[in-house]
Amino acid sequence: MAIRTTENLIDKIAEDHVWRKREISEITTLIELDSMSESRRKVLCRSGVPLLYAHWEGFIRPVA
């Protein structure tokens, strides 16, 4: 999709932002599951740090 108008730009940014938030939300939901073992919960928490950074960098770089 070519970005030709301000509305196109805003839509593209919002679309990118939504899927990033959705993915982080899914991991958060997994961490909060009662059925999740403590060791798996720790693994998900540790893996969340680089994922958060990757999403931040992946969002900021093209938007900036």
PDB file of N, CA and C in Angstrom:
ATOM      1  N   MET A   1       0.837  -1.179   0.000  1.00  0.00           N
ATOM      2  CA  MET A   1       0.000   0.000   0.000  1.00  0.00           C
ATOM      3  C   MET A   1       0.882   1.243   0.000  1.00  0.00           C
ATOM      4  N   ALA A   2       0.686   2.081  -0.968  1.00  0.00           N
ATOM      5  CA  ALA A   2       1.439   3.325  -1.061  1.00  0.00           C
ATOM      6  C   ALA A   2       0.878   4.341  -0.073  1.00  0.00           C
ATOM      7  N   ILE A   3       1.761   5.058   0.570  1.00  0.00           N
ATOM      8  CA  ILE A   3       1.354   6.089   1.518  1.00  0.00           C
ATOM      9  C   ILE A   3       1.378   7.416   0.782  1.00  0.00           C
ATOM     10  N   ARG A   4       0.182   7.895   0.464  1.00  0.00           N
ATOM     11  CA  ARG A   4       0.064   9.116  -0.328  1.00  0.00           C
ATOM     12  C   ARG A   4      -0.569  10.272   0.446  1.00  0.00           C
ATOM     13  N   THR A   5      -1.284   9.952   1.518  1.00  0.00           N
ATOM     14  CA  THR A   5      -1.953  10.999   2.283  1.00  0.00           C
ATOM     15  C   THR A   5      -1.633  10.824   3.765  1.00  0.00           C
ATOM     16  N   THR A   6      -1.957  11.853   4.517  1.00  0.00           N
ATOM     17  CA  THR A   6      -1.775  11.798   5.965  1.00  0.00           C
ATOM     18  C   THR A   6      -2.617  10.674   6.563  1.00  0.00           C
ATOM     19  N   GLU A   7      -3.815  10.493   6.043  1.00  0.00           N
ATOM     20  CA  GLU A   7      -4.688   9.436   6.543  1.00  0.00           C
ATOM     21  C   GLU A   7      -4.086   8.054   6.299  1.00  0.00           C
ATOM     22  N   ASN A   8      -3.470   7.873   5.118  1.00  0.00           N
ATOM     23  CA  ASN A   8      -2.796   6.605   4.824  1.00  0.00           C
ATOM     24  C   ASN A   8      -1.659   6.351   5.810  1.00  0.00           C
ATOM     25  N   LEU A   9      -0.914   7.394   6.120  1.00  0.00           N
ATOM     26  CA  LEU A   9       0.193   7.267   7.062  1.00  0.00           C
ATOM     27  C   LEU A   9      -0.314   6.897   8.452  1.00  0.00           C
ATOM     28  N   ILE A  10      -1.333   7.583   8.902  1.00  0.00           N
ATOM     29  CA  ILE A  10      -1.902   7.305  10.223  1.00  0.00           C
ATOM     30  C   ILE A  10      -2.464   5.892  10.283  1.00  0.00           C
ATOM     31  N   ASP A  11      -3.136   5.460   9.243  1.00  0.00           N
ATOM     32  CA  ASP A  11      -3.676   4.101   9.194  1.00  0.00           C
ATOM     33  C   ASP A  11      -2.565   3.055   9.248  1.00  0.00           C
ATOM     34  N   LYS A  12      -1.496   3.284   8.514  1.00  0.00           N
ATOM     35  CA  LYS A  12      -0.367   2.355   8.487  1.00  0.00           C
ATOM     36  C   LYS A  12       0.293   2.259   9.860  1.00  0.00           C
ATOM     37  N   ILE A  13       0.504   3.399  10.502  1.00  0.00           N
ATOM     38  CA  ILE A  13       1.103   3.417  11.838  1.00  0.00           C
ATOM     39  C   ILE A  13       0.198   2.715  12.836  1.00  0.00           C
ATOM     40  N   ALA A  14      -1.099   2.991  12.781  1.00  0.00           N
ATOM     41  CA  ALA A  14      -2.049   2.363  13.704  1.00  0.00           C
ATOM     42  C   ALA A  14      -2.098   0.854  13.502  1.00  0.00           C
ATOM     43  N   GLU A  15      -2.081   0.416  12.265  1.00  0.00           N
ATOM     44  CA  GLU A  15      -2.101  -1.016  11.953  1.00  0.00           C
ATOM     45  C   GLU A  15      -0.870  -1.716  12.530  1.00  0.00           C
ATOM     46  N   ASP A  16       0.287  -1.102  12.356  1.00  0.00           N
ATOM     47  CA  ASP A  16       1.525  -1.660  12.888  1.00  0.00           C
ATOM     48  C   ASP A  16       1.489  -1.699  14.414  1.00  0.00           C
ATOM     49  N   HIS A  17       1.004  -0.636  15.004  1.00  0.00           N
ATOM     50  CA  HIS A  17       0.921  -0.533  16.463  1.00  0.00           C
ATOM     51  C   HIS A  17      -0.014  -1.597  17.038  1.00  0.00           C
ATOM     52  N   VAL A  18      -1.124  -1.831  16.391  1.00  0.00           N
ATOM     53  CA  VAL A  18      -2.121  -2.788  16.884  1.00  0.00           C
ATOM     54  C   VAL A  18      -1.561  -4.205  16.935  1.00  0.00           C
ATOM     55  N   TRP A  19      -0.892  -4.657  15.874  1.00  0.00           N
ATOM     56  CA  TRP A  19      -0.414  -6.039  15.909  1.00  0.00           C
ATOM     57  C   TRP A  19       0.703  -6.220  16.922  1.00  0.00           C
ATOM     58  N   ARG A  20       1.513  -5.162  17.135  1.00  0.00           N
ATOM     59  CA  ARG A  20       2.569  -5.252  18.144  1.00  0.00           C
ATOM     60  C   ARG A  20       1.955  -5.346  19.539  1.00  0.00           C
ATOM     61  N   LYS A  21       0.951  -4.532  19.817  1.00  0.00           N
ATOM     62  CA  LYS A  21       0.283  -4.584  21.120  1.00  0.00           C
ATOM     63  C   LYS A  21      -0.422  -5.923  21.324  1.00  0.00           C
ATOM     64  N   ARG A  22      -1.012  -6.448  20.264  1.00  0.00           N
ATOM     65  CA  ARG A  22      -1.719  -7.724  20.353  1.00  0.00           C
ATOM     66  C   ARG A  22      -0.748  -8.858  20.710  1.00  0.00           C
ATOM     67  N   GLU A  23       0.415  -8.862  20.075  1.00  0.00           N
ATOM     68  CA  GLU A  23       1.392  -9.916  20.348  1.00  0.00           C
ATOM     69  C   GLU A  23       1.895  -9.840  21.792  1.00  0.00           C
ATOM     70  N   ILE A  24       2.192  -8.656  22.268  1.00  0.00           N
ATOM     71  CA  ILE A  24       2.643  -8.486  23.652  1.00  0.00           C
ATOM     72  C   ILE A  24       1.531  -8.875  24.616  1.00  0.00           C
ATOM     73  N   SER A  25       0.314  -8.538  24.288  1.00  0.00           N
ATOM     74  CA  SER A  25      -0.829  -8.905  25.122  1.00  0.00           C
ATOM     75  C   SER A  25      -1.008 -10.419  25.206  1.00  0.00           C
ATOM     76  N   GLU A  26      -0.790 -11.110  24.098  1.00  0.00           N
ATOM     77  CA  GLU A  26      -0.903 -12.573  24.091  1.00  0.00           C
ATOM     78  C   GLU A  26       0.121 -13.209  25.016  1.00  0.00           C
ATOM     79  N   ILE A  27       1.341 -12.717  25.000  1.00  0.00           N
ATOM     80  CA  ILE A  27       2.376 -13.258  25.881  1.00  0.00           C
ATOM     81  C   ILE A  27       2.037 -12.954  27.335  1.00  0.00           C
ATOM     82  N   THR A  28       1.549 -11.764  27.602  1.00  0.00           N
ATOM     83  CA  THR A  28       1.140 -11.408  28.951  1.00  0.00           C
ATOM     84  C   THR A  28       0.044 -12.343  29.446  1.00  0.00           C
ATOM     85  N   THR A  29      -0.907 -12.640  28.587  1.00  0.00           N
ATOM     86  CA  THR A  29      -1.995 -13.553  28.942  1.00  0.00           C
ATOM     87  C   THR A  29      -1.450 -14.941  29.261  1.00  0.00           C
ATOM     88  N   LEU A  30      -0.500 -15.416  28.470  1.00  0.00           N
ATOM     89  CA  LEU A  30       0.106 -16.718  28.742  1.00  0.00           C
ATOM     90  C   LEU A  30       0.811 -16.731  30.092  1.00  0.00           C
ATOM     91  N   ILE A  31       1.529 -15.674  30.405  1.00  0.00           N
ATOM     92  CA  ILE A  31       2.252 -15.589  31.678  1.00  0.00           C
ATOM     93  C   ILE A  31       1.287 -15.636  32.851  1.00  0.00           C
ATOM     94  N   GLU A  32       0.122 -15.037  32.699  1.00  0.00           N
ATOM     95  CA  GLU A  32      -0.839 -14.954  33.793  1.00  0.00           C
ATOM     96  C   GLU A  32      -1.726 -16.190  33.954  1.00  0.00           C
ATOM     97  N   LEU A  33      -1.600 -17.153  33.053  1.00  0.00           N
ATOM     98  CA  LEU A  33      -2.409 -18.369  33.165  1.00  0.00           C
ATOM     99  C   LEU A  33      -2.083 -19.124  34.449  1.00  0.00           C
ATOM    100  N   ASP A  34      -3.115 -19.578  35.142  1.00  0.00           N
ATOM    101  CA  ASP A  34      -2.907 -20.359  36.361  1.00  0.00           C
ATOM    102  C   ASP A  34      -2.285 -21.713  36.056  1.00  0.00           C
ATOM    103  N   SER A  35      -2.565 -22.248  34.886  1.00  0.00           N
ATOM    104  CA  SER A  35      -2.064 -23.569  34.528  1.00  0.00           C
ATOM    105  C   SER A  35      -0.596 -23.550  34.081  1.00  0.00           C
ATOM    106  N   MET A  36      -0.015 -22.372  33.921  1.00  0.00           N
ATOM    107  CA  MET A  36       1.368 -22.246  33.467  1.00  0.00           C
ATOM    108  C   MET A  36       2.312 -22.582  34.614  1.00  0.00           C
ATOM    109  N   SER A  37       3.283 -23.446  34.341  1.00  0.00           N
ATOM    110  CA  SER A  37       4.256 -23.795  35.378  1.00  0.00           C
ATOM    111  C   SER A  37       5.164 -22.590  35.651  1.00  0.00           C
ATOM    112  N   GLU A  38       5.735 -22.581  36.837  1.00  0.00           N
ATOM    113  CA  GLU A  38       6.581 -21.462  37.242  1.00  0.00           C
ATOM    114  C   GLU A  38       7.810 -21.340  36.347  1.00  0.00           C
ATOM    115  N   SER A  39       8.385 -22.465  35.934  1.00  0.00           N
ATOM    116  CA  SER A  39       9.572 -22.408  35.074  1.00  0.00           C
ATOM    117  C   SER A  39       9.224 -21.845  33.696  1.00  0.00           C
ATOM    118  N   ARG A  40       8.080 -22.232  33.152  1.00  0.00           N
ATOM    119  CA  ARG A  40       7.664 -21.677  31.854  1.00  0.00           C
ATOM    120  C   ARG A  40       7.321 -20.197  31.977  1.00  0.00           C
ATOM    121  N   ARG A  41       6.735 -19.824  33.098  1.00  0.00           N
ATOM    122  CA  ARG A  41       6.402 -18.419  33.331  1.00  0.00           C
ATOM    123  C   ARG A  41       7.676 -17.577  33.339  1.00  0.00           C
ATOM    124  N   LYS A  42       8.721 -18.077  33.988  1.00  0.00           N
ATOM    125  CA  LYS A  42       9.997 -17.361  34.028  1.00  0.00           C
ATOM    126  C   LYS A  42      10.611 -17.244  32.637  1.00  0.00           C
ATOM    127  N   VAL A  43      10.516 -18.318  31.863  1.00  0.00           N
ATOM    128  CA  VAL A  43      11.049 -18.288  30.496  1.00  0.00           C
ATOM    129  C   VAL A  43      10.318 -17.245  29.666  1.00  0.00           C
ATOM    130  N   LEU A  44       9.002 -17.208  29.780  1.00  0.00           N
ATOM    131  CA  LEU A  44       8.224 -16.221  29.019  1.00  0.00           C
ATOM    132  C   LEU A  44       8.560 -14.795  29.451  1.00  0.00           C
ATOM    133  N   CYS A  45       8.741 -14.593  30.743  1.00  0.00           N
ATOM    134  CA  CYS A  45       9.101 -13.256  31.228  1.00  0.00           C
ATOM    135  C   CYS A  45      10.460 -12.829  30.694  1.00  0.00           C
ATOM    136  N   ARG A  46      11.431 -13.731  30.734  1.00  0.00           N
ATOM    137  CA  ARG A  46      12.770 -13.396  30.220  1.00  0.00           C
ATOM    138  C   ARG A  46      12.738 -13.156  28.717  1.00  0.00           C
ATOM    139  N   SER A  47      11.961 -13.951  27.999  1.00  0.00           N
ATOM    140  CA  SER A  47      11.899 -13.762  26.549  1.00  0.00           C
ATOM    141  C   SER A  47      11.117 -12.502  26.182  1.00  0.00           C
ATOM    142  N   GLY A  48      10.315 -12.025  27.108  1.00  0.00           N
ATOM    143  CA  GLY A  48       9.551 -10.812  26.849  1.00  0.00           C
ATOM    144  C   GLY A  48      10.409  -9.564  26.739  1.00  0.00           C
ATOM    145  N   VAL A  49      11.544  -9.561  27.449  1.00  0.00           N
ATOM    146  CA  VAL A  49      12.414  -8.378  27.425  1.00  0.00           C
ATOM    147  C   VAL A  49      12.941  -8.100  26.015  1.00  0.00           C
ATOM    148  N   PRO A  50      13.582  -9.081  25.350  1.00  0.00           N
ATOM    149  CA  PRO A  50      14.031  -8.777  23.978  1.00  0.00           C
ATOM    150  C   PRO A  50      12.879  -8.552  23.003  1.00  0.00           C
ATOM    151  N   LEU A  51      11.750  -9.210  23.254  1.00  0.00           N
ATOM    152  CA  LEU A  51      10.590  -8.997  22.384  1.00  0.00           C
ATOM    153  C   LEU A  51      10.091  -7.556  22.502  1.00  0.00           C
ATOM    154  N   LEU A  52       9.998  -7.055  23.727  1.00  0.00           N
ATOM    155  CA  LEU A  52       9.577  -5.666  23.923  1.00  0.00           C
ATOM    156  C   LEU A  52      10.538  -4.701  23.239  1.00  0.00           C
ATOM    157  N   TYR A  53      11.840  -4.954  23.380  1.00  0.00           N
ATOM    158  CA  TYR A  53      12.817  -4.089  22.729  1.00  0.00           C
ATOM    159  C   TYR A  53      12.670  -4.161  21.211  1.00  0.00           C
ATOM    160  N   ALA A  54      12.505  -5.358  20.687  1.00  0.00           N
ATOM    161  CA  ALA A  54      12.378  -5.526  19.233  1.00  0.00           C
ATOM    162  C   ALA A  54      11.145  -4.799  18.712  1.00  0.00           C
ATOM    163  N   HIS A  55      10.037  -4.892  19.459  1.00  0.00           N
ATOM    164  CA  HIS A  55       8.830  -4.184  19.034  1.00  0.00           C
ATOM    165  C   HIS A  55       9.016  -2.676  19.117  1.00  0.00           C
ATOM    166  N   TRP A  56       9.675  -2.225  20.171  1.00  0.00           N
ATOM    167  CA  TRP A  56       9.918  -0.783  20.315  1.00  0.00           C
ATOM    168  C   TRP A  56      10.772  -0.294  19.153  1.00  0.00           C
ATOM    169  N   GLU A  57      11.897  -0.971  18.918  1.00  0.00           N
ATOM    170  CA  GLU A  57      12.786  -0.552  17.836  1.00  0.00           C
ATOM    171  C   GLU A  57      12.103  -0.696  16.470  1.00  0.00           C
ATOM    172  N   GLY A  58      11.370  -1.780  16.276  1.00  0.00           N
ATOM    173  CA  GLY A  58      10.695  -2.008  15.004  1.00  0.00           C
ATOM    174  C   GLY A  58       9.596  -1.012  14.735  1.00  0.00           C
ATOM    175  N   PHE A  59       9.033  -0.435  15.774  1.00  0.00           N
ATOM    176  CA  PHE A  59       7.989   0.572  15.607  1.00  0.00           C
ATOM    177  C   PHE A  59       8.586   1.968  15.456  1.00  0.00           C
ATOM    178  N   ILE A  60       9.537   2.313  16.305  1.00  0.00           N
ATOM    179  CA  ILE A  60      10.095   3.660  16.328  1.00  0.00           C
ATOM    180  C   ILE A  60      10.906   3.968  15.067  1.00  0.00           C
ATOM    181  N   ARG A  61      11.685   3.006  14.616  1.00  0.00           N
ATOM    182  CA  ARG A  61      12.571   3.261  13.474  1.00  0.00           C
ATOM    183  C   ARG A  61      11.812   3.742  12.227  1.00  0.00           C
ATOM    184  N   PRO A  62      10.796   3.032  11.763  1.00  0.00           N
ATOM    185  CA  PRO A  62      10.109   3.539  10.550  1.00  0.00           C
ATOM    186  C   PRO A  62       9.215   4.752  10.829  1.00  0.00           C
ATOM    187  N   VAL A  63       8.659   4.849  12.029  1.00  0.00           N
ATOM    188  CA  VAL A  63       7.767   5.959  12.336  1.00  0.00           C
ATOM    189  C   VAL A  63       8.553   7.264  12.483  1.00  0.00           C
ATOM    190  N   ALA A  64       9.732   7.165  13.071  1.00  0.00           N
ATOM    191  CA  ALA A  64      10.550   8.371  13.278  1.00  0.00           C
ATOM    192  C   ALA A  64      11.044   8.876  11.940  1.00  0.00           C
TER     193      ALA A  64
END
